[in-house]
Amino acid sequence: MNRIPAYLVVLAVLMACQPSSAQDDSVTCSQFRVILNSGERIEGRNGILTSISLTGVSNKGRSIDIPRSEIWVIYRCSGSKAGKGALMGAGMGLITGIIAIIQLQADPEQEIDESKIAPGFLVLTGGAALIGMAIGSAFPTWERIPLETSIQFNPQRKMGTLAITVSF
C-alpha cells in the first residue's frame, strides 16, 4: 500500500483553495460621459472602469477617481458617424448628378457628351461622400456601459426633486 506524504495532501488542498486569478473586468474608455447618482454630469478621457471605481482625466484636466457605487450611468465613445455621413453625402451627390442630367436633357440647345456622364457621376458622388465622411467624423457615437440591475437615481435640484428607483 502506497502512502501519500501528508505535505503533498496539504499542498494540494491549499492550491485548490486559492482563489482563481481571473482577469479584472475593467473597461477602458478613450472618452467617457458619466452621470452620477447626484445628477452631476462629468465628461473625460483616458478612463478605466473597474469593479471598484472609474479613474481618468476630466475635460477640465483634473484627475478623477469616482467610486462605482456613485455612478448612475456611463457612456464611452465607440467611434464616429463617418460611415453615415459618407452614405448621406454619396446620396446627395447622386441626386444632384441626376437632377443636373435631367436639366441638361431638358434644354434642346444643350449637347451632352455621353462618355462623360459616368465619370461625372463618380466624381460628384465620390466627392460628396468624402465631404459627408469628413463632417460625420466630427460627431462621436456613444455606447452605454451596463453597470448593475438595481438603479437608484436621486438628483437634488433647486427647482424640485426627482426620485426614481428601479429594482429587478
N, C-alpha and C. Protein backbone atom coordinates (compact mmCIF):
# COMPACT_ATOMS: atom_id res chain seq x y z
N MET A 1 0.85 -1.17 0.00
CA MET A 1 0.00 0.00 0.00
C MET A 1 0.90 1.23 0.00
N ASN A 2 0.69 2.11 -0.96
CA ASN A 2 1.47 3.35 -1.07
C ASN A 2 0.85 4.42 -0.22
N ARG A 3 1.71 5.09 0.50
CA ARG A 3 1.23 6.20 1.32
C ARG A 3 1.64 7.51 0.67
N ILE A 4 0.70 8.42 0.60
CA ILE A 4 0.98 9.74 0.06
C ILE A 4 1.43 10.61 1.22
N PRO A 5 2.58 11.23 1.10
CA PRO A 5 3.06 12.07 2.19
C PRO A 5 2.04 13.16 2.51
N ALA A 6 1.92 13.46 3.77
CA ALA A 6 0.92 14.42 4.26
C ALA A 6 1.14 15.81 3.68
N TYR A 7 2.40 16.20 3.45
CA TYR A 7 2.63 17.54 2.92
C TYR A 7 2.12 17.68 1.50
N LEU A 8 2.08 16.60 0.70
CA LEU A 8 1.51 16.67 -0.65
C LEU A 8 0.00 16.87 -0.59
N VAL A 9 -0.66 16.22 0.36
CA VAL A 9 -2.11 16.38 0.54
C VAL A 9 -2.41 17.82 0.96
N VAL A 10 -1.65 18.32 1.93
CA VAL A 10 -1.84 19.69 2.41
C VAL A 10 -1.60 20.68 1.27
N LEU A 11 -0.54 20.46 0.47
CA LEU A 11 -0.23 21.33 -0.65
C LEU A 11 -1.36 21.31 -1.69
N ALA A 12 -1.89 20.13 -1.97
CA ALA A 12 -2.98 20.01 -2.94
C ALA A 12 -4.23 20.75 -2.45
N VAL A 13 -4.54 20.61 -1.15
CA VAL A 13 -5.70 21.29 -0.58
C VAL A 13 -5.52 22.81 -0.64
N LEU A 14 -4.32 23.30 -0.29
CA LEU A 14 -4.06 24.74 -0.33
C LEU A 14 -4.15 25.30 -1.75
N MET A 15 -3.66 24.54 -2.72
CA MET A 15 -3.73 25.00 -4.11
C MET A 15 -5.17 25.02 -4.59
N ALA A 16 -5.96 24.05 -4.16
CA ALA A 16 -7.36 24.00 -4.58
C ALA A 16 -8.17 25.13 -3.95
N CYS A 17 -7.75 25.59 -2.76
CA CYS A 17 -8.48 26.64 -2.06
C CYS A 17 -8.07 28.04 -2.48
N GLN A 18 -7.04 28.18 -3.27
CA GLN A 18 -6.60 29.51 -3.71
C GLN A 18 -7.65 30.09 -4.64
N PRO A 19 -7.94 31.37 -4.50
CA PRO A 19 -8.89 31.99 -5.43
C PRO A 19 -8.28 32.02 -6.82
N SER A 20 -9.11 31.79 -7.79
CA SER A 20 -8.61 31.80 -9.17
C SER A 20 -8.21 33.22 -9.54
N SER A 21 -7.17 33.32 -10.28
CA SER A 21 -6.68 34.64 -10.69
C SER A 21 -7.38 35.05 -11.97
N ALA A 22 -8.67 35.35 -11.85
CA ALA A 22 -9.46 35.76 -13.00
C ALA A 22 -9.08 37.18 -13.41
N GLN A 23 -9.28 37.46 -14.67
CA GLN A 23 -9.00 38.79 -15.18
C GLN A 23 -9.94 39.79 -14.53
N ASP A 24 -9.40 40.96 -14.25
CA ASP A 24 -10.23 42.03 -13.71
C ASP A 24 -11.15 42.52 -14.82
N ASP A 25 -12.42 42.71 -14.51
CA ASP A 25 -13.38 43.14 -15.51
C ASP A 25 -13.31 44.64 -15.69
N SER A 26 -12.17 45.13 -16.14
CA SER A 26 -12.03 46.56 -16.34
C SER A 26 -12.37 46.92 -17.79
N VAL A 27 -12.89 48.13 -17.96
CA VAL A 27 -13.27 48.64 -19.27
C VAL A 27 -12.53 49.94 -19.48
N THR A 28 -11.87 50.06 -20.63
CA THR A 28 -11.15 51.30 -20.93
C THR A 28 -12.02 52.18 -21.83
N CYS A 29 -11.91 53.47 -21.62
CA CYS A 29 -12.70 54.44 -22.37
C CYS A 29 -11.78 55.57 -22.83
N SER A 30 -11.62 55.73 -24.13
CA SER A 30 -10.81 56.85 -24.61
C SER A 30 -11.50 58.17 -24.26
N GLN A 31 -12.81 58.20 -24.41
CA GLN A 31 -13.63 59.34 -23.98
C GLN A 31 -14.84 58.75 -23.26
N PHE A 32 -15.32 59.46 -22.23
CA PHE A 32 -16.47 58.95 -21.50
C PHE A 32 -17.33 60.10 -21.00
N ARG A 33 -18.59 59.75 -20.72
CA ARG A 33 -19.56 60.65 -20.10
C ARG A 33 -20.19 59.89 -18.94
N VAL A 34 -20.21 60.52 -17.79
CA VAL A 34 -20.74 59.88 -16.58
C VAL A 34 -21.83 60.77 -15.99
N ILE A 35 -22.92 60.16 -15.56
CA ILE A 35 -23.93 60.86 -14.77
C ILE A 35 -23.93 60.18 -13.40
N LEU A 36 -23.66 60.97 -12.38
CA LEU A 36 -23.60 60.43 -11.03
C LEU A 36 -24.98 60.32 -10.42
N ASN A 37 -25.11 59.60 -9.33
CA ASN A 37 -26.38 59.47 -8.63
C ASN A 37 -26.91 60.83 -8.17
N SER A 38 -26.01 61.79 -7.95
CA SER A 38 -26.42 63.13 -7.53
C SER A 38 -26.95 63.96 -8.69
N GLY A 39 -26.82 63.46 -9.92
CA GLY A 39 -27.27 64.19 -11.10
C GLY A 39 -26.15 64.95 -11.80
N GLU A 40 -24.97 65.00 -11.21
CA GLU A 40 -23.84 65.71 -11.80
C GLU A 40 -23.35 64.95 -13.03
N ARG A 41 -23.01 65.71 -14.08
CA ARG A 41 -22.50 65.12 -15.32
C ARG A 41 -21.02 65.44 -15.44
N ILE A 42 -20.22 64.42 -15.72
CA ILE A 42 -18.78 64.57 -15.87
C ILE A 42 -18.37 63.96 -17.20
N GLU A 43 -17.59 64.70 -17.97
CA GLU A 43 -17.03 64.19 -19.21
C GLU A 43 -15.52 64.12 -19.06
N GLY A 44 -14.91 63.10 -19.65
CA GLY A 44 -13.46 62.96 -19.53
C GLY A 44 -12.88 62.05 -20.58
N ARG A 45 -11.60 61.71 -20.38
CA ARG A 45 -10.87 60.88 -21.33
C ARG A 45 -9.92 59.96 -20.56
N ASN A 46 -9.39 58.97 -21.26
CA ASN A 46 -8.45 58.01 -20.69
C ASN A 46 -8.99 57.37 -19.42
N GLY A 47 -10.24 56.92 -19.47
CA GLY A 47 -10.88 56.34 -18.30
C GLY A 47 -10.71 54.84 -18.22
N ILE A 48 -10.64 54.34 -17.00
CA ILE A 48 -10.62 52.90 -16.73
C ILE A 48 -11.69 52.64 -15.67
N LEU A 49 -12.69 51.86 -16.07
CA LEU A 49 -13.78 51.49 -15.16
C LEU A 49 -13.51 50.10 -14.64
N THR A 50 -13.34 49.98 -13.33
CA THR A 50 -13.14 48.68 -12.69
C THR A 50 -14.37 48.37 -11.84
N SER A 51 -14.32 47.26 -11.15
CA SER A 51 -15.44 46.90 -10.28
C SER A 51 -15.51 47.81 -9.06
N ILE A 52 -14.47 48.59 -8.82
CA ILE A 52 -14.41 49.47 -7.66
C ILE A 52 -14.67 50.94 -8.02
N SER A 53 -14.03 51.42 -9.10
CA SER A 53 -14.12 52.85 -9.40
C SER A 53 -13.85 53.15 -10.86
N LEU A 54 -14.07 54.41 -11.21
CA LEU A 54 -13.72 54.95 -12.52
C LEU A 54 -12.61 55.95 -12.30
N THR A 55 -11.49 55.74 -12.97
CA THR A 55 -10.38 56.69 -12.90
C THR A 55 -10.13 57.24 -14.29
N GLY A 56 -9.69 58.47 -14.36
CA GLY A 56 -9.40 59.09 -15.64
C GLY A 56 -9.09 60.56 -15.46
N VAL A 57 -9.21 61.30 -16.55
CA VAL A 57 -8.93 62.73 -16.54
C VAL A 57 -10.18 63.44 -17.06
N SER A 58 -10.67 64.42 -16.31
CA SER A 58 -11.85 65.16 -16.74
C SER A 58 -11.47 66.10 -17.88
N ASN A 59 -12.48 66.61 -18.58
CA ASN A 59 -12.22 67.54 -19.67
C ASN A 59 -11.60 68.84 -19.18
N LYS A 60 -11.70 69.10 -17.89
CA LYS A 60 -11.08 70.29 -17.31
C LYS A 60 -9.62 70.03 -16.94
N GLY A 61 -9.13 68.80 -17.17
CA GLY A 61 -7.74 68.47 -16.91
C GLY A 61 -7.46 67.93 -15.53
N ARG A 62 -8.49 67.72 -14.73
CA ARG A 62 -8.32 67.20 -13.38
C ARG A 62 -8.37 65.68 -13.37
N SER A 63 -7.56 65.09 -12.53
CA SER A 63 -7.59 63.64 -12.34
C SER A 63 -8.83 63.30 -11.51
N ILE A 64 -9.56 62.27 -11.94
CA ILE A 64 -10.78 61.89 -11.22
C ILE A 64 -10.70 60.43 -10.79
N ASP A 65 -11.33 60.14 -9.69
CA ASP A 65 -11.46 58.79 -9.16
C ASP A 65 -12.83 58.71 -8.50
N ILE A 66 -13.79 58.14 -9.22
CA ILE A 66 -15.17 58.09 -8.76
C ILE A 66 -15.52 56.66 -8.36
N PRO A 67 -16.01 56.46 -7.13
CA PRO A 67 -16.45 55.11 -6.74
C PRO A 67 -17.59 54.64 -7.65
N ARG A 68 -17.55 53.38 -8.01
CA ARG A 68 -18.56 52.83 -8.93
C ARG A 68 -19.97 52.93 -8.35
N SER A 69 -20.08 52.90 -7.04
CA SER A 69 -21.40 52.97 -6.40
C SER A 69 -22.05 54.35 -6.61
N GLU A 70 -21.26 55.38 -6.92
CA GLU A 70 -21.80 56.72 -7.15
C GLU A 70 -22.17 56.97 -8.60
N ILE A 71 -21.88 56.02 -9.49
CA ILE A 71 -22.15 56.19 -10.93
C ILE A 71 -23.53 55.66 -11.24
N TRP A 72 -24.36 56.54 -11.84
CA TRP A 72 -25.69 56.10 -12.26
C TRP A 72 -25.62 55.50 -13.65
N VAL A 73 -24.98 56.20 -14.60
CA VAL A 73 -24.85 55.70 -15.96
C VAL A 73 -23.53 56.21 -16.53
N ILE A 74 -22.93 55.40 -17.41
CA ILE A 74 -21.69 55.79 -18.06
C ILE A 74 -21.75 55.41 -19.54
N TYR A 75 -21.27 56.31 -20.37
CA TYR A 75 -21.18 56.09 -21.81
C TYR A 75 -19.72 56.22 -22.23
N ARG A 76 -19.31 55.43 -23.22
CA ARG A 76 -17.96 55.60 -23.76
C ARG A 76 -18.07 55.81 -25.27
N CYS A 77 -17.09 56.53 -25.79
CA CYS A 77 -17.04 56.81 -27.23
C CYS A 77 -16.69 55.51 -27.95
N SER A 78 -17.51 55.15 -28.92
CA SER A 78 -17.28 53.90 -29.64
C SER A 78 -17.05 54.12 -31.12
N GLY A 79 -16.70 55.33 -31.51
CA GLY A 79 -16.44 55.61 -32.92
C GLY A 79 -17.05 56.94 -33.32
N SER A 80 -17.31 57.05 -34.61
CA SER A 80 -17.90 58.29 -35.11
C SER A 80 -18.98 57.95 -36.14
N LYS A 81 -19.60 58.98 -36.64
CA LYS A 81 -20.66 58.80 -37.63
C LYS A 81 -20.15 59.04 -39.04
N ALA A 82 -18.86 58.70 -39.28
CA ALA A 82 -18.25 58.92 -40.59
C ALA A 82 -18.94 58.08 -41.68
N GLY A 83 -19.30 56.85 -41.36
CA GLY A 83 -19.96 55.99 -42.34
C GLY A 83 -21.31 56.52 -42.77
N LYS A 84 -22.11 56.95 -41.79
CA LYS A 84 -23.42 57.53 -42.12
C LYS A 84 -23.26 58.81 -42.93
N GLY A 85 -22.27 59.62 -42.55
CA GLY A 85 -22.01 60.85 -43.28
C GLY A 85 -21.61 60.59 -44.72
N ALA A 86 -20.78 59.55 -44.93
CA ALA A 86 -20.35 59.21 -46.28
C ALA A 86 -21.55 58.74 -47.12
N LEU A 87 -22.42 57.92 -46.53
CA LEU A 87 -23.61 57.46 -47.26
C LEU A 87 -24.54 58.61 -47.60
N MET A 88 -24.74 59.50 -46.65
CA MET A 88 -25.61 60.65 -46.92
C MET A 88 -25.01 61.55 -47.99
N GLY A 89 -23.70 61.78 -47.91
CA GLY A 89 -23.03 62.60 -48.91
C GLY A 89 -23.09 61.98 -50.29
N ALA A 90 -22.86 60.67 -50.38
CA ALA A 90 -22.93 59.98 -51.68
C ALA A 90 -24.34 60.06 -52.25
N GLY A 91 -25.34 59.89 -51.40
CA GLY A 91 -26.73 60.01 -51.86
C GLY A 91 -27.03 61.40 -52.38
N MET A 92 -26.56 62.41 -51.66
CA MET A 92 -26.78 63.79 -52.12
C MET A 92 -26.07 64.05 -53.44
N GLY A 93 -24.85 63.54 -53.58
CA GLY A 93 -24.10 63.71 -54.82
C GLY A 93 -24.79 63.02 -55.99
N LEU A 94 -25.31 61.83 -55.75
CA LEU A 94 -26.01 61.08 -56.79
C LEU A 94 -27.29 61.81 -57.22
N ILE A 95 -28.05 62.28 -56.26
CA ILE A 95 -29.28 63.02 -56.57
C ILE A 95 -28.96 64.30 -57.33
N THR A 96 -27.92 64.99 -56.91
CA THR A 96 -27.51 66.22 -57.60
C THR A 96 -27.12 65.91 -59.04
N GLY A 97 -26.39 64.82 -59.25
CA GLY A 97 -25.99 64.43 -60.61
C GLY A 97 -27.20 64.10 -61.49
N ILE A 98 -28.16 63.39 -60.93
CA ILE A 98 -29.37 63.04 -61.70
C ILE A 98 -30.15 64.29 -62.07
N ILE A 99 -30.30 65.21 -61.12
CA ILE A 99 -31.02 66.46 -61.40
C ILE A 99 -30.28 67.27 -62.48
N ALA A 100 -28.96 67.29 -62.44
CA ALA A 100 -28.18 68.02 -63.45
C ALA A 100 -28.38 67.42 -64.83
N ILE A 101 -28.38 66.10 -64.94
CA ILE A 101 -28.60 65.44 -66.24
C ILE A 101 -30.00 65.73 -66.77
N ILE A 102 -30.98 65.68 -65.89
CA ILE A 102 -32.36 65.97 -66.31
C ILE A 102 -32.47 67.40 -66.82
N GLN A 103 -31.83 68.33 -66.13
CA GLN A 103 -31.86 69.74 -66.56
C GLN A 103 -31.16 69.92 -67.91
N LEU A 104 -30.04 69.24 -68.09
CA LEU A 104 -29.30 69.37 -69.35
C LEU A 104 -30.08 68.75 -70.51
N GLN A 105 -30.75 67.63 -70.27
CA GLN A 105 -31.53 67.00 -71.33
C GLN A 105 -32.79 67.79 -71.67
N ALA A 106 -33.28 68.58 -70.74
CA ALA A 106 -34.48 69.38 -70.99
C ALA A 106 -34.18 70.54 -71.93
N ASP A 107 -32.94 70.96 -71.99
CA ASP A 107 -32.56 72.07 -72.87
C ASP A 107 -32.20 71.51 -74.24
N PRO A 108 -33.01 71.81 -75.28
CA PRO A 108 -32.76 71.24 -76.61
C PRO A 108 -31.47 71.80 -77.25
N GLU A 109 -31.01 72.93 -76.82
CA GLU A 109 -29.81 73.52 -77.41
C GLU A 109 -28.53 72.96 -76.78
N GLN A 110 -28.67 72.28 -75.65
CA GLN A 110 -27.51 71.74 -74.95
C GLN A 110 -27.16 70.36 -75.50
N GLU A 111 -25.90 70.16 -75.84
CA GLU A 111 -25.45 68.88 -76.35
C GLU A 111 -24.70 68.15 -75.22
N ILE A 112 -25.06 66.88 -74.99
CA ILE A 112 -24.47 66.11 -73.89
C ILE A 112 -23.52 65.07 -74.46
N ASP A 113 -22.29 65.07 -73.94
CA ASP A 113 -21.31 64.05 -74.32
C ASP A 113 -21.51 62.87 -73.37
N GLU A 114 -22.10 61.79 -73.87
CA GLU A 114 -22.46 60.65 -73.02
C GLU A 114 -21.26 59.92 -72.45
N SER A 115 -20.08 60.09 -73.03
CA SER A 115 -18.90 59.42 -72.49
C SER A 115 -18.42 60.08 -71.19
N LYS A 116 -18.92 61.28 -70.89
CA LYS A 116 -18.50 61.98 -69.68
C LYS A 116 -19.54 61.91 -68.55
N ILE A 117 -20.66 61.24 -68.80
CA ILE A 117 -21.70 61.16 -67.78
C ILE A 117 -21.25 60.28 -66.61
N ALA A 118 -20.78 59.07 -66.91
CA ALA A 118 -20.37 58.15 -65.83
C ALA A 118 -19.21 58.71 -64.99
N PRO A 119 -18.13 59.21 -65.62
CA PRO A 119 -17.08 59.79 -64.79
C PRO A 119 -17.57 61.00 -63.98
N GLY A 120 -18.46 61.78 -64.53
CA GLY A 120 -19.02 62.92 -63.81
C GLY A 120 -19.79 62.47 -62.58
N PHE A 121 -20.61 61.41 -62.73
CA PHE A 121 -21.34 60.85 -61.60
C PHE A 121 -20.37 60.35 -60.52
N LEU A 122 -19.33 59.64 -60.94
CA LEU A 122 -18.37 59.10 -59.98
C LEU A 122 -17.65 60.21 -59.22
N VAL A 123 -17.23 61.26 -59.92
CA VAL A 123 -16.54 62.36 -59.26
C VAL A 123 -17.48 63.09 -58.31
N LEU A 124 -18.69 63.37 -58.75
CA LEU A 124 -19.65 64.08 -57.92
C LEU A 124 -20.06 63.26 -56.70
N THR A 125 -20.37 61.99 -56.92
CA THR A 125 -20.77 61.13 -55.81
C THR A 125 -19.61 60.88 -54.85
N GLY A 126 -18.43 60.60 -55.37
CA GLY A 126 -17.26 60.36 -54.52
C GLY A 126 -16.86 61.60 -53.73
N GLY A 127 -16.87 62.76 -54.37
CA GLY A 127 -16.53 63.99 -53.67
C GLY A 127 -17.52 64.31 -52.56
N ALA A 128 -18.80 64.13 -52.85
CA ALA A 128 -19.82 64.38 -51.82
C ALA A 128 -19.71 63.37 -50.69
N ALA A 129 -19.34 62.11 -51.01
CA ALA A 129 -19.15 61.10 -49.97
C ALA A 129 -17.98 61.47 -49.07
N LEU A 130 -16.89 61.98 -49.65
CA LEU A 130 -15.74 62.40 -48.83
C LEU A 130 -16.10 63.57 -47.92
N ILE A 131 -16.86 64.52 -48.45
CA ILE A 131 -17.28 65.65 -47.62
C ILE A 131 -18.20 65.17 -46.49
N GLY A 132 -19.13 64.29 -46.81
CA GLY A 132 -20.02 63.74 -45.78
C GLY A 132 -19.27 62.94 -44.73
N MET A 133 -18.25 62.19 -45.16
CA MET A 133 -17.45 61.43 -44.20
C MET A 133 -16.67 62.37 -43.28
N ALA A 134 -16.13 63.44 -43.83
CA ALA A 134 -15.39 64.41 -43.01
C ALA A 134 -16.31 65.07 -41.98
N ILE A 135 -17.51 65.40 -42.40
CA ILE A 135 -18.47 66.02 -41.46
C ILE A 135 -18.90 64.99 -40.41
N GLY A 136 -19.21 63.76 -40.82
CA GLY A 136 -19.65 62.73 -39.89
C GLY A 136 -18.60 62.32 -38.88
N SER A 137 -17.33 62.42 -39.25
CA SER A 137 -16.27 62.03 -38.32
C SER A 137 -16.16 62.99 -37.13
N ALA A 138 -16.77 64.16 -37.24
CA ALA A 138 -16.75 65.12 -36.13
C ALA A 138 -17.78 64.80 -35.06
N PHE A 139 -18.67 63.85 -35.32
CA PHE A 139 -19.73 63.50 -34.39
C PHE A 139 -19.51 62.09 -33.84
N PRO A 140 -19.14 61.97 -32.55
CA PRO A 140 -18.89 60.64 -31.99
C PRO A 140 -20.18 59.88 -31.71
N THR A 141 -20.07 58.57 -31.69
CA THR A 141 -21.18 57.72 -31.26
C THR A 141 -20.86 57.24 -29.85
N TRP A 142 -21.89 57.08 -29.04
CA TRP A 142 -21.71 56.74 -27.63
C TRP A 142 -22.37 55.41 -27.34
N GLU A 143 -21.67 54.57 -26.60
CA GLU A 143 -22.14 53.25 -26.21
C GLU A 143 -22.32 53.24 -24.69
N ARG A 144 -23.48 52.80 -24.25
CA ARG A 144 -23.73 52.73 -22.81
C ARG A 144 -23.07 51.49 -22.23
N ILE A 145 -22.34 51.67 -21.14
CA ILE A 145 -21.71 50.55 -20.46
C ILE A 145 -22.66 50.07 -19.38
N PRO A 146 -23.11 48.81 -19.46
CA PRO A 146 -24.05 48.33 -18.44
C PRO A 146 -23.36 48.21 -17.08
N LEU A 147 -24.04 48.66 -16.06
CA LEU A 147 -23.49 48.60 -14.71
C LEU A 147 -24.20 47.53 -13.91
N GLU A 148 -25.25 47.89 -13.21
CA GLU A 148 -25.96 46.95 -12.35
C GLU A 148 -27.43 46.96 -12.71
N THR A 149 -28.17 45.98 -12.21
CA THR A 149 -29.61 45.92 -12.48
C THR A 149 -30.42 46.73 -11.50
N SER A 150 -29.87 47.06 -10.35
CA SER A 150 -30.58 47.87 -9.37
C SER A 150 -30.10 49.31 -9.47
N ILE A 151 -31.01 50.20 -9.82
CA ILE A 151 -30.64 51.58 -10.08
C ILE A 151 -31.36 52.49 -9.11
N GLN A 152 -30.64 53.41 -8.53
CA GLN A 152 -31.25 54.42 -7.69
C GLN A 152 -30.72 55.76 -8.14
N PHE A 153 -31.61 56.63 -8.55
CA PHE A 153 -31.24 57.93 -9.09
C PHE A 153 -32.01 58.99 -8.33
N ASN A 154 -31.33 59.81 -7.56
CA ASN A 154 -31.98 60.80 -6.73
C ASN A 154 -31.31 62.17 -6.87
N PRO A 155 -31.43 62.81 -8.03
CA PRO A 155 -30.80 64.13 -8.15
C PRO A 155 -31.58 65.18 -7.36
N GLN A 156 -30.87 66.05 -6.69
CA GLN A 156 -31.47 67.15 -5.95
C GLN A 156 -31.22 68.44 -6.72
N ARG A 157 -32.26 69.04 -7.21
CA ARG A 157 -32.16 70.28 -7.97
C ARG A 157 -32.86 71.39 -7.21
N LYS A 158 -32.48 72.63 -7.48
CA LYS A 158 -33.12 73.77 -6.83
C LYS A 158 -34.57 73.92 -7.24
N MET A 159 -34.89 73.49 -8.45
CA MET A 159 -36.26 73.67 -8.92
C MET A 159 -37.19 72.56 -8.46
N GLY A 160 -36.67 71.52 -7.85
CA GLY A 160 -37.53 70.44 -7.38
C GLY A 160 -36.73 69.19 -7.14
N THR A 161 -37.42 68.12 -6.82
CA THR A 161 -36.78 66.85 -6.53
C THR A 161 -37.34 65.77 -7.44
N LEU A 162 -36.46 64.93 -7.95
CA LEU A 162 -36.85 63.82 -8.77
C LEU A 162 -36.24 62.57 -8.17
N ALA A 163 -37.06 61.57 -7.90
CA ALA A 163 -36.57 60.33 -7.33
C ALA A 163 -37.08 59.17 -8.15
N ILE A 164 -36.16 58.35 -8.64
CA ILE A 164 -36.50 57.18 -9.44
C ILE A 164 -35.81 55.98 -8.82
N THR A 165 -36.55 54.92 -8.59
CA THR A 165 -35.99 53.69 -8.07
C THR A 165 -36.47 52.54 -8.92
N VAL A 166 -35.52 51.79 -9.48
CA VAL A 166 -35.85 50.63 -10.29
C VAL A 166 -35.14 49.43 -9.69
N SER A 167 -35.86 48.37 -9.45
CA SER A 167 -35.26 47.15 -8.92
C SER A 167 -35.74 45.98 -9.74
N PHE A 168 -34.84 45.08 -10.02
CA PHE A 168 -35.18 43.86 -10.78
C PHE A 168 -35.06 42.66 -9.89
